[in-house]
């Protein structure tokens, strides 16, 4: 009988700054989280939820959590503006 053990290490990104949406995707991938719903706004909302859960599980440092959420909120704002412009125009 083979037993597979997965060890999740606490966030090892100290000192590495996330700068964009892609960096947040890479952070989630480190934890085996791959998100693609097909609608960007839904993807962003699910990513926010997953980041929050990782933080609450104490797998992310506060700085990493805050940086990721800031990036995702900025992306959500951009996406909301794009959707609003499409409706207006």
PDB file of N, CA and C in Angstrom:
ATOM      1  N   UNK A   1       0.851  -1.181   0.000  1.00  0.00           N
ATOM      2  CA  UNK A   1       0.000   0.000   0.000  1.00  0.00           C
ATOM      3  C   UNK A   1       0.896   1.245   0.000  1.00  0.00           C
ATOM      4  N   UNK A   2       0.617   2.152  -0.907  1.00  0.00           N
ATOM      5  CA  UNK A   2       1.388   3.386  -1.018  1.00  0.00           C
ATOM      6  C   UNK A   2       0.561   4.534  -0.461  1.00  0.00           C
ATOM      7  N   UNK A   3       1.190   5.316   0.376  1.00  0.00           N
ATOM      8  CA  UNK A   3       0.525   6.489   0.953  1.00  0.00           C
ATOM      9  C   UNK A   3       1.207   7.728   0.394  1.00  0.00           C
ATOM     10  N   UNK A   4       0.389   8.618  -0.156  1.00  0.00           N
ATOM     11  CA  UNK A   4       0.920   9.852  -0.718  1.00  0.00           C
ATOM     12  C   UNK A   4       0.679  10.978   0.270  1.00  0.00           C
ATOM     13  N   UNK A   5       1.728  11.653   0.631  1.00  0.00           N
ATOM     14  CA  UNK A   5       1.619  12.760   1.578  1.00  0.00           C
ATOM     15  C   UNK A   5       1.971  14.052   0.856  1.00  0.00           C
ATOM     16  N   UNK A   6       1.104  15.032   0.956  1.00  0.00           N
ATOM     17  CA  UNK A   6       1.351  16.339   0.363  1.00  0.00           C
ATOM     18  C   UNK A   6       1.623  17.329   1.485  1.00  0.00           C
ATOM     19  N   UNK A   7       2.736  17.974   1.403  1.00  0.00           N
ATOM     20  CA  UNK A   7       3.101  18.969   2.405  1.00  0.00           C
ATOM     21  C   UNK A   7       2.985  20.343   1.762  1.00  0.00           C
ATOM     22  N   UNK A   8       2.189  21.176   2.362  1.00  0.00           N
ATOM     23  CA  UNK A   8       2.037  22.550   1.869  1.00  0.00           C
ATOM     24  C   UNK A   8       2.838  23.443   2.796  1.00  0.00           C
ATOM     25  N   UNK A   9       3.860  24.055   2.260  1.00  0.00           N
ATOM     26  CA  UNK A   9       4.682  24.940   3.056  1.00  0.00           C
ATOM     27  C   UNK A   9       4.046  26.316   3.128  1.00  0.00           C
ATOM     28  N   UNK A  10       4.301  26.965   4.254  1.00  0.00           N
ATOM     29  CA  UNK A  10       3.809  28.326   4.389  1.00  0.00           C
ATOM     30  C   UNK A  10       4.467  29.195   3.333  1.00  0.00           C
ATOM     31  N   UNK A  11       3.761  30.197   2.912  1.00  0.00           N
ATOM     32  CA  UNK A  11       4.184  31.119   1.858  1.00  0.00           C
ATOM     33  C   UNK A  11       5.691  31.365   1.872  1.00  0.00           C
ATOM     34  N   UNK A  12       6.325  31.044   0.766  1.00  0.00           N
ATOM     35  CA  UNK A  12       7.780  31.233   0.665  1.00  0.00           C
ATOM     36  C   UNK A  12       8.105  32.403  -0.263  1.00  0.00           C
ATOM     37  N   UNK A  13       7.182  33.310  -0.424  1.00  0.00           N
ATOM     38  CA  UNK A  13       7.386  34.427  -1.338  1.00  0.00           C
ATOM     39  C   UNK A  13       7.844  35.706  -0.647  1.00  0.00           C
ATOM     40  N   UNK A  14       8.333  35.603   0.582  1.00  0.00           N
ATOM     41  CA  UNK A  14       8.776  36.807   1.278  1.00  0.00           C
ATOM     42  C   UNK A  14       9.830  37.522   0.454  1.00  0.00           C
ATOM     43  N   UNK A  15       9.653  38.802   0.296  1.00  0.00           N
ATOM     44  CA  UNK A  15      10.609  39.589  -0.452  1.00  0.00           C
ATOM     45  C   UNK A  15      10.388  39.592  -1.956  1.00  0.00           C
ATOM     46  N   UNK A  16       9.475  38.749  -2.444  1.00  0.00           N
ATOM     47  CA  UNK A  16       9.179  38.723  -3.872  1.00  0.00           C
ATOM     48  C   UNK A  16       7.881  39.480  -4.089  1.00  0.00           C
ATOM     49  N   UNK A  17       7.941  40.551  -4.843  1.00  0.00           N
ATOM     50  CA  UNK A  17       6.767  41.395  -5.041  1.00  0.00           C
ATOM     51  C   UNK A  17       5.929  40.894  -6.217  1.00  0.00           C
ATOM     52  N   UNK A  18       4.644  40.770  -5.981  1.00  0.00           N
ATOM     53  CA  UNK A  18       3.718  40.480  -7.073  1.00  0.00           C
ATOM     54  C   UNK A  18       3.363  41.816  -7.703  1.00  0.00           C
ATOM     55  N   UNK A  19       3.357  41.833  -9.023  1.00  0.00           N
ATOM     56  CA  UNK A  19       3.101  43.095  -9.704  1.00  0.00           C
ATOM     57  C   UNK A  19       1.848  43.088 -10.550  1.00  0.00           C
ATOM     58  N   UNK A  20       1.383  41.904 -10.951  1.00  0.00           N
ATOM     59  CA  UNK A  20       0.253  41.882 -11.869  1.00  0.00           C
ATOM     60  C   UNK A  20      -0.600  40.626 -11.687  1.00  0.00           C
ATOM     61  N   UNK A  21      -1.650  40.547 -12.470  1.00  0.00           N
ATOM     62  CA  UNK A  21      -2.618  39.453 -12.415  1.00  0.00           C
ATOM     63  C   UNK A  21      -1.934  38.104 -12.614  1.00  0.00           C
ATOM     64  N   UNK A  22      -0.994  38.040 -13.547  1.00  0.00           N
ATOM     65  CA  UNK A  22      -0.271  36.803 -13.823  1.00  0.00           C
ATOM     66  C   UNK A  22       0.471  36.310 -12.580  1.00  0.00           C
ATOM     67  N   UNK A  23       1.072  37.234 -11.831  1.00  0.00           N
ATOM     68  CA  UNK A  23       1.791  36.855 -10.617  1.00  0.00           C
ATOM     69  C   UNK A  23       0.850  36.233  -9.583  1.00  0.00           C
ATOM     70  N   UNK A  24      -0.367  36.738  -9.486  1.00  0.00           N
ATOM     71  CA  UNK A  24      -1.349  36.171  -8.556  1.00  0.00           C
ATOM     72  C   UNK A  24      -1.747  34.775  -9.027  1.00  0.00           C
ATOM     73  N   UNK A  25      -1.905  34.595 -10.333  1.00  0.00           N
ATOM     74  CA  UNK A  25      -2.199  33.255 -10.870  1.00  0.00           C
ATOM     75  C   UNK A  25      -1.080  32.281 -10.516  1.00  0.00           C
ATOM     76  N   UNK A  26       0.159  32.728 -10.623  1.00  0.00           N
ATOM     77  CA  UNK A  26       1.301  31.868 -10.301  1.00  0.00           C
ATOM     78  C   UNK A  26       1.324  31.517  -8.813  1.00  0.00           C
ATOM     79  N   UNK A  27       0.951  32.463  -7.966  1.00  0.00           N
ATOM     80  CA  UNK A  27       0.855  32.191  -6.530  1.00  0.00           C
ATOM     81  C   UNK A  27      -0.160  31.084  -6.267  1.00  0.00           C
ATOM     82  N   UNK A  28      -1.324  31.190  -6.880  1.00  0.00           N
ATOM     83  CA  UNK A  28      -2.352  30.167  -6.694  1.00  0.00           C
ATOM     84  C   UNK A  28      -1.880  28.807  -7.225  1.00  0.00           C
ATOM     85  N   UNK A  29      -1.164  28.812  -8.329  1.00  0.00           N
ATOM     86  CA  UNK A  29      -0.662  27.557  -8.891  1.00  0.00           C
ATOM     87  C   UNK A  29       0.293  26.854  -7.935  1.00  0.00           C
ATOM     88  N   UNK A  30       1.039  27.626  -7.138  1.00  0.00           N
ATOM     89  CA  UNK A  30       1.940  27.028  -6.145  1.00  0.00           C
ATOM     90  C   UNK A  30       1.165  26.157  -5.160  1.00  0.00           C
ATOM     91  N   UNK A  31      -0.089  26.456  -4.971  1.00  0.00           N
ATOM     92  CA  UNK A  31      -0.938  25.703  -4.047  1.00  0.00           C
ATOM     93  C   UNK A  31      -1.873  24.745  -4.795  1.00  0.00           C
ATOM     94  N   UNK A  32      -1.625  24.543  -6.064  1.00  0.00           N
ATOM     95  CA  UNK A  32      -2.416  23.605  -6.851  1.00  0.00           C
ATOM     96  C   UNK A  32      -3.786  24.131  -7.227  1.00  0.00           C
ATOM     97  N   UNK A  33      -3.929  25.453  -7.260  1.00  0.00           N
ATOM     98  CA  UNK A  33      -5.213  26.070  -7.586  1.00  0.00           C
ATOM     99  C   UNK A  33      -5.129  26.665  -8.990  1.00  0.00           C
ATOM    100  N   UNK A  34      -5.902  26.102  -9.909  1.00  0.00           N
ATOM    101  CA  UNK A  34      -5.961  26.562 -11.296  1.00  0.00           C
ATOM    102  C   UNK A  34      -7.382  27.044 -11.559  1.00  0.00           C
ATOM    103  N   UNK A  35      -7.513  28.308 -11.951  1.00  0.00           N
ATOM    104  CA  UNK A  35      -8.844  28.885 -12.131  1.00  0.00           C
ATOM    105  C   UNK A  35      -9.019  29.347 -13.567  1.00  0.00           C
ATOM    106  N   UNK A  36     -10.052  28.828 -14.210  1.00  0.00           N
ATOM    107  CA  UNK A  36     -10.479  29.334 -15.513  1.00  0.00           C
ATOM    108  C   UNK A  36     -11.950  28.985 -15.686  1.00  0.00           C
ATOM    109  N   UNK A  37     -12.790  29.986 -15.544  1.00  0.00           N
ATOM    110  CA  UNK A  37     -14.230  29.799 -15.721  1.00  0.00           C
ATOM    111  C   UNK A  37     -14.621  30.196 -17.140  1.00  0.00           C
ATOM    112  N   UNK A  38     -13.908  31.146 -17.693  1.00  0.00           N
ATOM    113  CA  UNK A  38     -14.193  31.599 -19.044  1.00  0.00           C
ATOM    114  C   UNK A  38     -14.689  33.031 -19.084  1.00  0.00           C
ATOM    115  N   UNK A  39     -15.087  33.535 -17.947  1.00  0.00           N
ATOM    116  CA  UNK A  39     -15.485  34.939 -17.825  1.00  0.00           C
ATOM    117  C   UNK A  39     -14.510  35.581 -16.854  1.00  0.00           C
ATOM    118  N   UNK A  40     -13.811  36.593 -17.340  1.00  0.00           N
ATOM    119  CA  UNK A  40     -12.735  37.191 -16.546  1.00  0.00           C
ATOM    120  C   UNK A  40     -13.201  37.684 -15.181  1.00  0.00           C
ATOM    121  N   UNK A  41     -14.343  38.321 -15.120  1.00  0.00           N
ATOM    122  CA  UNK A  41     -14.832  38.840 -13.844  1.00  0.00           C
ATOM    123  C   UNK A  41     -15.082  37.701 -12.854  1.00  0.00           C
ATOM    124  N   UNK A  42     -15.652  36.610 -13.321  1.00  0.00           N
ATOM    125  CA  UNK A  42     -15.892  35.447 -12.456  1.00  0.00           C
ATOM    126  C   UNK A  42     -14.560  34.831 -12.014  1.00  0.00           C
ATOM    127  N   UNK A  43     -13.592  34.792 -12.916  1.00  0.00           N
ATOM    128  CA  UNK A  43     -12.267  34.281 -12.561  1.00  0.00           C
ATOM    129  C   UNK A  43     -11.658  35.113 -11.431  1.00  0.00           C
ATOM    130  N   UNK A  44     -11.751  36.427 -11.557  1.00  0.00           N
ATOM    131  CA  UNK A  44     -11.181  37.331 -10.557  1.00  0.00           C
ATOM    132  C   UNK A  44     -11.862  37.126  -9.208  1.00  0.00           C
ATOM    133  N   UNK A  45     -13.181  37.031  -9.195  1.00  0.00           N
ATOM    134  CA  UNK A  45     -13.914  36.841  -7.941  1.00  0.00           C
ATOM    135  C   UNK A  45     -13.549  35.518  -7.276  1.00  0.00           C
ATOM    136  N   UNK A  46     -13.411  34.459  -8.065  1.00  0.00           N
ATOM    137  CA  UNK A  46     -13.029  33.167  -7.501  1.00  0.00           C
ATOM    138  C   UNK A  46     -11.591  33.209  -6.982  1.00  0.00           C
ATOM    139  N   UNK A  47     -10.720  33.911  -7.685  1.00  0.00           N
ATOM    140  CA  UNK A  47      -9.337  34.049  -7.225  1.00  0.00           C
ATOM    141  C   UNK A  47      -9.284  34.799  -5.889  1.00  0.00           C
ATOM    142  N   UNK A  48     -10.101  35.843  -5.744  1.00  0.00           N
ATOM    143  CA  UNK A  48     -10.166  36.561  -4.467  1.00  0.00           C
ATOM    144  C   UNK A  48     -10.581  35.621  -3.343  1.00  0.00           C
ATOM    145  N   UNK A  49     -11.572  34.807  -3.612  1.00  0.00           N
ATOM    146  CA  UNK A  49     -12.057  33.854  -2.615  1.00  0.00           C
ATOM    147  C   UNK A  49     -10.969  32.851  -2.225  1.00  0.00           C
ATOM    148  N   UNK A  50     -10.250  32.338  -3.201  1.00  0.00           N
ATOM    149  CA  UNK A  50      -9.193  31.359  -2.933  1.00  0.00           C
ATOM    150  C   UNK A  50      -8.037  31.987  -2.153  1.00  0.00           C
ATOM    151  N   UNK A  51      -7.658  33.215  -2.513  1.00  0.00           N
ATOM    152  CA  UNK A  51      -6.594  33.916  -1.787  1.00  0.00           C
ATOM    153  C   UNK A  51      -7.013  34.114  -0.331  1.00  0.00           C
ATOM    154  N   UNK A  52      -8.272  34.518  -0.129  1.00  0.00           N
ATOM    155  CA  UNK A  52      -8.788  34.719   1.220  1.00  0.00           C
ATOM    156  C   UNK A  52      -8.737  33.411   2.029  1.00  0.00           C
ATOM    157  N   UNK A  53      -9.121  32.304   1.401  1.00  0.00           N
ATOM    158  CA  UNK A  53      -9.093  31.012   2.095  1.00  0.00           C
ATOM    159  C   UNK A  53      -7.663  30.594   2.445  1.00  0.00           C
ATOM    160  N   UNK A  54      -6.718  30.827   1.548  1.00  0.00           N
ATOM    161  CA  UNK A  54      -5.320  30.516   1.843  1.00  0.00           C
ATOM    162  C   UNK A  54      -4.817  31.339   3.026  1.00  0.00           C
ATOM    163  N   UNK A  55      -5.211  32.603   3.064  1.00  0.00           N
ATOM    164  CA  UNK A  55      -4.799  33.462   4.181  1.00  0.00           C
ATOM    165  C   UNK A  55      -5.422  33.002   5.495  1.00  0.00           C
ATOM    166  N   UNK A  56      -6.713  32.694   5.455  1.00  0.00           N
ATOM    167  CA  UNK A  56      -7.394  32.242   6.670  1.00  0.00           C
ATOM    168  C   UNK A  56      -6.845  30.910   7.174  1.00  0.00           C
ATOM    169  N   UNK A  57      -6.315  30.101   6.263  1.00  0.00           N
ATOM    170  CA  UNK A  57      -5.702  28.827   6.638  1.00  0.00           C
ATOM    171  C   UNK A  57      -4.248  29.036   7.092  1.00  0.00           C
ATOM    172  N   UNK A  58      -3.828  30.299   7.141  1.00  0.00           N
ATOM    173  CA  UNK A  58      -2.492  30.696   7.565  1.00  0.00           C
ATOM    174  C   UNK A  58      -1.391  30.169   6.643  1.00  0.00           C
ATOM    175  N   UNK A  59      -1.714  30.063   5.353  1.00  0.00           N
ATOM    176  CA  UNK A  59      -0.733  29.635   4.365  1.00  0.00           C
ATOM    177  C   UNK A  59      -0.084  30.813   3.658  1.00  0.00           C
ATOM    178  N   UNK A  60      -0.656  32.010   3.830  1.00  0.00           N
ATOM    179  CA  UNK A  60      -0.093  33.231   3.245  1.00  0.00           C
ATOM    180  C   UNK A  60       0.215  34.224   4.350  1.00  0.00           C
ATOM    181  N   UNK A  61       1.299  34.947   4.178  1.00  0.00           N
ATOM    182  CA  UNK A  61       1.624  36.054   5.074  1.00  0.00           C
ATOM    183  C   UNK A  61       0.684  37.215   4.767  1.00  0.00           C
ATOM    184  N   UNK A  62       0.489  38.086   5.724  1.00  0.00           N
ATOM    185  CA  UNK A  62      -0.427  39.224   5.565  1.00  0.00           C
ATOM    186  C   UNK A  62      -0.010  40.098   4.376  1.00  0.00           C
ATOM    187  N   UNK A  63       1.292  40.315   4.200  1.00  0.00           N
ATOM    188  CA  UNK A  63       1.759  41.178   3.116  1.00  0.00           C
ATOM    189  C   UNK A  63       1.412  40.584   1.745  1.00  0.00           C
ATOM    190  N   UNK A  64       1.597  39.285   1.613  1.00  0.00           N
ATOM    191  CA  UNK A  64       1.281  38.610   0.351  1.00  0.00           C
ATOM    192  C   UNK A  64      -0.212  38.647   0.085  1.00  0.00           C
ATOM    193  N   UNK A  65      -0.997  38.399   1.129  1.00  0.00           N
ATOM    194  CA  UNK A  65      -2.462  38.455   1.018  1.00  0.00           C
ATOM    195  C   UNK A  65      -2.914  39.836   0.557  1.00  0.00           C
ATOM    196  N   UNK A  66      -2.414  40.874   1.221  1.00  0.00           N
ATOM    197  CA  UNK A  66      -2.819  42.234   0.888  1.00  0.00           C
ATOM    198  C   UNK A  66      -2.423  42.618  -0.528  1.00  0.00           C
ATOM    199  N   UNK A  67      -1.228  42.238  -0.927  1.00  0.00           N
ATOM    200  CA  UNK A  67      -0.753  42.568  -2.266  1.00  0.00           C
ATOM    201  C   UNK A  67      -1.594  41.868  -3.332  1.00  0.00           C
ATOM    202  N   UNK A  68      -1.876  40.583  -3.108  1.00  0.00           N
ATOM    203  CA  UNK A  68      -2.692  39.821  -4.070  1.00  0.00           C
ATOM    204  C   UNK A  68      -4.096  40.419  -4.174  1.00  0.00           C
ATOM    205  N   UNK A  69      -4.698  40.748  -3.048  1.00  0.00           N
ATOM    206  CA  UNK A  69      -6.051  41.308  -3.060  1.00  0.00           C
ATOM    207  C   UNK A  69      -6.076  42.672  -3.737  1.00  0.00           C
ATOM    208  N   UNK A  70      -5.054  43.470  -3.525  1.00  0.00           N
ATOM    209  CA  UNK A  70      -4.973  44.780  -4.169  1.00  0.00           C
ATOM    210  C   UNK A  70      -4.911  44.630  -5.691  1.00  0.00           C
ATOM    211  N   UNK A  71      -4.101  43.701  -6.162  1.00  0.00           N
ATOM    212  CA  UNK A  71      -3.980  43.446  -7.597  1.00  0.00           C
ATOM    213  C   UNK A  71      -5.316  42.968  -8.157  1.00  0.00           C
ATOM    214  N   UNK A  72      -5.962  42.036  -7.465  1.00  0.00           N
ATOM    215  CA  UNK A  72      -7.232  41.494  -7.954  1.00  0.00           C
ATOM    216  C   UNK A  72      -8.332  42.545  -7.955  1.00  0.00           C
ATOM    217  N   UNK A  73      -8.369  43.392  -6.943  1.00  0.00           N
ATOM    218  CA  UNK A  73      -9.389  44.454  -6.912  1.00  0.00           C
ATOM    219  C   UNK A  73      -9.170  45.453  -8.044  1.00  0.00           C
ATOM    220  N   UNK A  74      -7.919  45.755  -8.357  1.00  0.00           N
ATOM    221  CA  UNK A  74      -7.624  46.653  -9.468  1.00  0.00           C
ATOM    222  C   UNK A  74      -8.067  46.015 -10.788  1.00  0.00           C
ATOM    223  N   UNK A  75      -7.806  44.728 -10.939  1.00  0.00           N
ATOM    224  CA  UNK A  75      -8.238  44.014 -12.149  1.00  0.00           C
ATOM    225  C   UNK A  75      -9.758  43.981 -12.254  1.00  0.00           C
ATOM    226  N   UNK A  76     -10.422  43.777 -11.116  1.00  0.00           N
ATOM    227  CA  UNK A  76     -11.892  43.751 -11.126  1.00  0.00           C
ATOM    228  C   UNK A  76     -12.433  45.117 -11.527  1.00  0.00           C
ATOM    229  N   UNK A  77     -11.802  46.177 -11.020  1.00  0.00           N
ATOM    230  CA  UNK A  77     -12.232  47.533 -11.366  1.00  0.00           C
ATOM    231  C   UNK A  77     -12.066  47.791 -12.866  1.00  0.00           C
ATOM    232  N   UNK A  78     -10.919  47.380 -13.428  1.00  0.00           N
ATOM    233  CA  UNK A  78     -10.697  47.543 -14.867  1.00  0.00           C
ATOM    234  C   UNK A  78     -11.745  46.774 -15.669  1.00  0.00           C
ATOM    235  N   UNK A  79     -11.995  45.550 -15.259  1.00  0.00           N
ATOM    236  CA  UNK A  79     -12.953  44.707 -15.977  1.00  0.00           C
ATOM    237  C   UNK A  79     -14.360  45.284 -15.895  1.00  0.00           C
ATOM    238  N   UNK A  80     -14.744  45.785 -14.736  1.00  0.00           N
ATOM    239  CA  UNK A  80     -16.068  46.398 -14.555  1.00  0.00           C
ATOM    240  C   UNK A  80     -16.204  47.626 -15.452  1.00  0.00           C
ATOM    241  N   UNK A  81     -15.147  48.427 -15.550  1.00  0.00           N
ATOM    242  CA  UNK A  81     -15.165  49.607 -16.427  1.00  0.00           C
ATOM    243  C   UNK A  81     -15.299  49.212 -17.889  1.00  0.00           C
ATOM    244  N   UNK A  82     -14.619  48.162 -18.296  1.00  0.00           N
ATOM    245  CA  UNK A  82     -14.708  47.687 -19.682  1.00  0.00           C
ATOM    246  C   UNK A  82     -16.119  47.213 -19.998  1.00  0.00           C
ATOM    247  N   UNK A  83     -16.710  46.463 -19.066  1.00  0.00           N
ATOM    248  CA  UNK A  83     -18.071  45.972 -19.262  1.00  0.00           C
ATOM    249  C   UNK A  83     -19.043  47.146 -19.334  1.00  0.00           C
ATOM    250  N   UNK A  84     -18.851  48.160 -18.479  1.00  0.00           N
ATOM    251  CA  UNK A  84     -19.699  49.341 -18.487  1.00  0.00           C
ATOM    252  C   UNK A  84     -19.597  50.112 -19.788  1.00  0.00           C
ATOM    253  N   UNK A  85     -18.405  50.204 -20.338  1.00  0.00           N
ATOM    254  CA  UNK A  85     -18.203  50.911 -21.606  1.00  0.00           C
ATOM    255  C   UNK A  85     -18.887  50.171 -22.752  1.00  0.00           C
ATOM    256  N   UNK A  86     -18.853  48.854 -22.714  1.00  0.00           N
ATOM    257  CA  UNK A  86     -19.513  48.061 -23.768  1.00  0.00           C
ATOM    258  C   UNK A  86     -21.009  48.269 -23.737  1.00  0.00           C
ATOM    259  N   UNK A  87     -21.585  48.384 -22.537  1.00  0.00           N
ATOM    260  CA  UNK A  87     -23.034  48.599 -22.415  1.00  0.00           C
ATOM    261  C   UNK A  87     -23.429  49.994 -22.894  1.00  0.00           C
ATOM    262  N   UNK A  88     -22.567  50.981 -22.609  1.00  0.00           N
ATOM    263  CA  UNK A  88     -22.855  52.357 -22.993  1.00  0.00           C
ATOM    264  C   UNK A  88     -22.677  52.587 -24.490  1.00  0.00           C
ATOM    265  N   UNK A  89     -21.714  51.901 -25.072  1.00  0.00           N
ATOM    266  CA  UNK A  89     -21.359  52.188 -26.464  1.00  0.00           C
ATOM    267  C   UNK A  89     -21.955  51.209 -27.362  1.00  0.00           C
TER     268      UNK A  89
END
